[in-house]
Amino acid sequence: MDSEITTTVGRQLYSFDGRVLEVFGGNAVRFHVRHMHLCVKGPDRKGARIVEICHGRPEAPGVRHMWKYSAVEWDDLPGLARLLDVVQAAIDSAAER
């Protein structure tokens, strides 16, 4: 990846440089692709989605961070879905190495 990807979600700024995902706003958190698990659950029957990011791997998760988005919120956040797709691709690539 050649450049940083950012998107704003409410009062939070998500930034990904290819290795580190940072979420600014409130308590800032950082996740490195080699020590991160990302899961987007849903949509549920009402269209809501849950984004869960963990420090660690699925079999040994550390601290979990979860955000819930209604169907309307998710539809208004195409930049978030794109950013999370790029982050997941980087996680998968790091796991293959």
C-alpha atoms as a PDB file:
ATOM      1  CA  MET A   1       0.000   0.000   0.000  1.00  0.00           C
ATOM      2  CA  ASP A   2       1.384   3.376  -1.016  1.00  0.00           C
ATOM      3  CA  SER A   3      -0.635   5.870   0.976  1.00  0.00           C
ATOM      4  CA  GLU A   4      -2.678   6.400   4.068  1.00  0.00           C
ATOM      5  CA  ILE A   5      -6.435   5.770   3.998  1.00  0.00           C
ATOM      6  CA  THR A   6      -8.647   7.750   6.353  1.00  0.00           C
ATOM      7  CA  THR A   7     -12.343   8.047   7.043  1.00  0.00           C
ATOM      8  CA  THR A   8     -14.391   9.884   9.620  1.00  0.00           C
ATOM      9  CA  VAL A   9     -17.105   8.125  11.590  1.00  0.00           C
ATOM     10  CA  GLY A  10     -18.974  10.540  13.830  1.00  0.00           C
ATOM     11  CA  ARG A  11     -16.308  12.034  16.098  1.00  0.00           C
ATOM     12  CA  GLN A  12     -13.773   9.323  15.308  1.00  0.00           C
ATOM     13  CA  LEU A  13     -11.068   9.384  12.654  1.00  0.00           C
ATOM     14  CA  TYR A  14      -9.909   6.021  11.318  1.00  0.00           C
ATOM     15  CA  SER A  15      -6.451   6.039   9.722  1.00  0.00           C
ATOM     16  CA  PHE A  16      -4.595   3.123   8.113  1.00  0.00           C
ATOM     17  CA  ASP A  17      -1.080   3.349   6.666  1.00  0.00           C
ATOM     18  CA  GLY A  18      -0.749  -0.267   5.539  1.00  0.00           C
ATOM     19  CA  ARG A  19       0.609  -1.578   8.846  1.00  0.00           C
ATOM     20  CA  VAL A  20      -1.140   0.263  11.678  1.00  0.00           C
ATOM     21  CA  LEU A  21      -4.830   1.065  12.083  1.00  0.00           C
ATOM     22  CA  GLU A  22      -5.431   4.019  14.392  1.00  0.00           C
ATOM     23  CA  VAL A  23      -8.768   5.212  15.714  1.00  0.00           C
ATOM     24  CA  PHE A  24      -8.670   8.767  17.064  1.00  0.00           C
ATOM     25  CA  GLY A  25     -11.409  10.427  19.094  1.00  0.00           C
ATOM     26  CA  GLY A  26     -12.113   9.740  22.720  1.00  0.00           C
ATOM     27  CA  ASN A  27      -9.542   7.169  23.743  1.00  0.00           C
ATOM     28  CA  ALA A  28      -7.259   6.670  20.755  1.00  0.00           C
ATOM     29  CA  VAL A  29      -6.314   3.068  19.952  1.00  0.00           C
ATOM     30  CA  ARG A  30      -3.749   1.524  17.613  1.00  0.00           C
ATOM     31  CA  PHE A  31      -3.665  -1.939  16.060  1.00  0.00           C
ATOM     32  CA  HIS A  32      -0.810  -3.523  14.098  1.00  0.00           C
ATOM     33  CA  VAL A  33      -1.812  -5.918  11.290  1.00  0.00           C
ATOM     34  CA  ARG A  34       0.412  -8.681  12.661  1.00  0.00           C
ATOM     35  CA  HIS A  35      -1.322  -8.538  16.038  1.00  0.00           C
ATOM     36  CA  MET A  36      -4.921  -7.797  15.115  1.00  0.00           C
ATOM     37  CA  HIS A  37      -8.127  -9.676  14.416  1.00  0.00           C
ATOM     38  CA  LEU A  38     -10.912  -7.869  12.538  1.00  0.00           C
ATOM     39  CA  CYS A  39     -14.477  -9.106  12.258  1.00  0.00           C
ATOM     40  CA  VAL A  40     -17.484  -7.365  10.715  1.00  0.00           C
ATOM     41  CA  LYS A  41     -20.648  -9.142  11.844  1.00  0.00           C
ATOM     42  CA  GLY A  42     -23.945  -8.719  10.074  1.00  0.00           C
ATOM     43  CA  PRO A  43     -26.025  -7.431   8.706  1.00  0.00           C
ATOM     44  CA  ASP A  44     -28.594  -8.647  11.194  1.00  0.00           C
ATOM     45  CA  ARG A  45     -32.320  -8.747  10.362  1.00  0.00           C
ATOM     46  CA  LYS A  46     -32.509  -4.951  10.815  1.00  0.00           C
ATOM     47  CA  GLY A  47     -29.390  -4.335   8.740  1.00  0.00           C
ATOM     48  CA  ALA A  48     -27.129  -3.428  11.665  1.00  0.00           C
ATOM     49  CA  ARG A  49     -23.457  -4.382  11.683  1.00  0.00           C
ATOM     50  CA  ILE A  50     -20.922  -4.819  14.465  1.00  0.00           C
ATOM     51  CA  VAL A  51     -17.261  -4.085  13.857  1.00  0.00           C
ATOM     52  CA  GLU A  52     -14.993  -5.910  16.298  1.00  0.00           C
ATOM     53  CA  ILE A  53     -11.249  -5.367  16.409  1.00  0.00           C
ATOM     54  CA  CYS A  54      -9.078  -7.318  18.838  1.00  0.00           C
ATOM     55  CA  HIS A  55      -5.463  -7.056  19.819  1.00  0.00           C
ATOM     56  CA  GLY A  56      -4.186 -10.588  19.319  1.00  0.00           C
ATOM     57  CA  ARG A  57      -5.468 -13.449  17.213  1.00  0.00           C
ATOM     58  CA  PRO A  58      -8.936 -15.067  17.179  1.00  0.00           C
ATOM     59  CA  GLU A  59      -7.717 -18.052  19.190  1.00  0.00           C
ATOM     60  CA  ALA A  60      -6.065 -15.826  21.833  1.00  0.00           C
ATOM     61  CA  PRO A  61      -7.727 -12.411  21.732  1.00  0.00           C
ATOM     62  CA  GLY A  62      -6.578  -9.576  23.921  1.00  0.00           C
ATOM     63  CA  VAL A  63      -8.469  -6.323  24.356  1.00  0.00           C
ATOM     64  CA  ARG A  64     -11.613  -6.069  22.232  1.00  0.00           C
ATOM     65  CA  HIS A  65     -13.032  -2.898  20.738  1.00  0.00           C
ATOM     66  CA  MET A  66     -16.566  -3.019  19.330  1.00  0.00           C
ATOM     67  CA  TRP A  67     -18.629  -0.505  17.406  1.00  0.00           C
ATOM     68  CA  LYS A  68     -22.258  -1.046  16.372  1.00  0.00           C
ATOM     69  CA  TYR A  69     -23.724   0.671  13.322  1.00  0.00           C
ATOM     70  CA  SER A  70     -27.387   0.744  12.292  1.00  0.00           C
ATOM     71  CA  ALA A  71     -28.258   0.015   8.664  1.00  0.00           C
ATOM     72  CA  VAL A  72     -28.647   3.740   7.973  1.00  0.00           C
ATOM     73  CA  GLU A  73     -25.327   4.584   9.631  1.00  0.00           C
ATOM     74  CA  TRP A  74     -23.511   1.829   7.699  1.00  0.00           C
ATOM     75  CA  ASP A  75     -25.003   2.981   4.393  1.00  0.00           C
ATOM     76  CA  ASP A  76     -23.805   6.516   5.139  1.00  0.00           C
ATOM     77  CA  LEU A  77     -20.244   5.244   5.790  1.00  0.00           C
ATOM     78  CA  PRO A  78     -18.966   3.784   2.502  1.00  0.00           C
ATOM     79  CA  GLY A  79     -15.454   4.979   3.423  1.00  0.00           C
ATOM     80  CA  LEU A  80     -15.475   2.801   6.557  1.00  0.00           C
ATOM     81  CA  ALA A  81     -16.404  -0.361   4.644  1.00  0.00           C
ATOM     82  CA  ARG A  82     -13.636   0.350   2.106  1.00  0.00           C
ATOM     83  CA  LEU A  83     -11.072   1.035   4.845  1.00  0.00           C
ATOM     84  CA  LEU A  84     -11.997  -2.172   6.689  1.00  0.00           C
ATOM     85  CA  ASP A  85     -11.667  -4.169   3.458  1.00  0.00           C
ATOM     86  CA  VAL A  86      -8.146  -2.773   2.967  1.00  0.00           C
ATOM     87  CA  VAL A  87      -7.248  -3.520   6.602  1.00  0.00           C
ATOM     88  CA  GLN A  88      -8.533  -7.114   6.280  1.00  0.00           C
ATOM     89  CA  ALA A  89      -6.486  -7.603   3.106  1.00  0.00           C
ATOM     90  CA  ALA A  90      -3.368  -6.375   4.958  1.00  0.00           C
ATOM     91  CA  ILE A  91      -4.093  -8.735   7.877  1.00  0.00           C
ATOM     92  CA  ASP A  92      -4.499 -11.656   5.461  1.00  0.00           C
ATOM     93  CA  SER A  93      -1.279 -10.733   3.651  1.00  0.00           C
ATOM     94  CA  ALA A  94       0.666 -10.494   6.918  1.00  0.00           C
ATOM     95  CA  ALA A  95      -0.656 -13.898   8.001  1.00  0.00           C
ATOM     96  CA  GLU A  96       0.592 -15.480   4.787  1.00  0.00           C
ATOM     97  CA  ARG A  97       4.167 -14.309   5.399  1.00  0.00           C
END
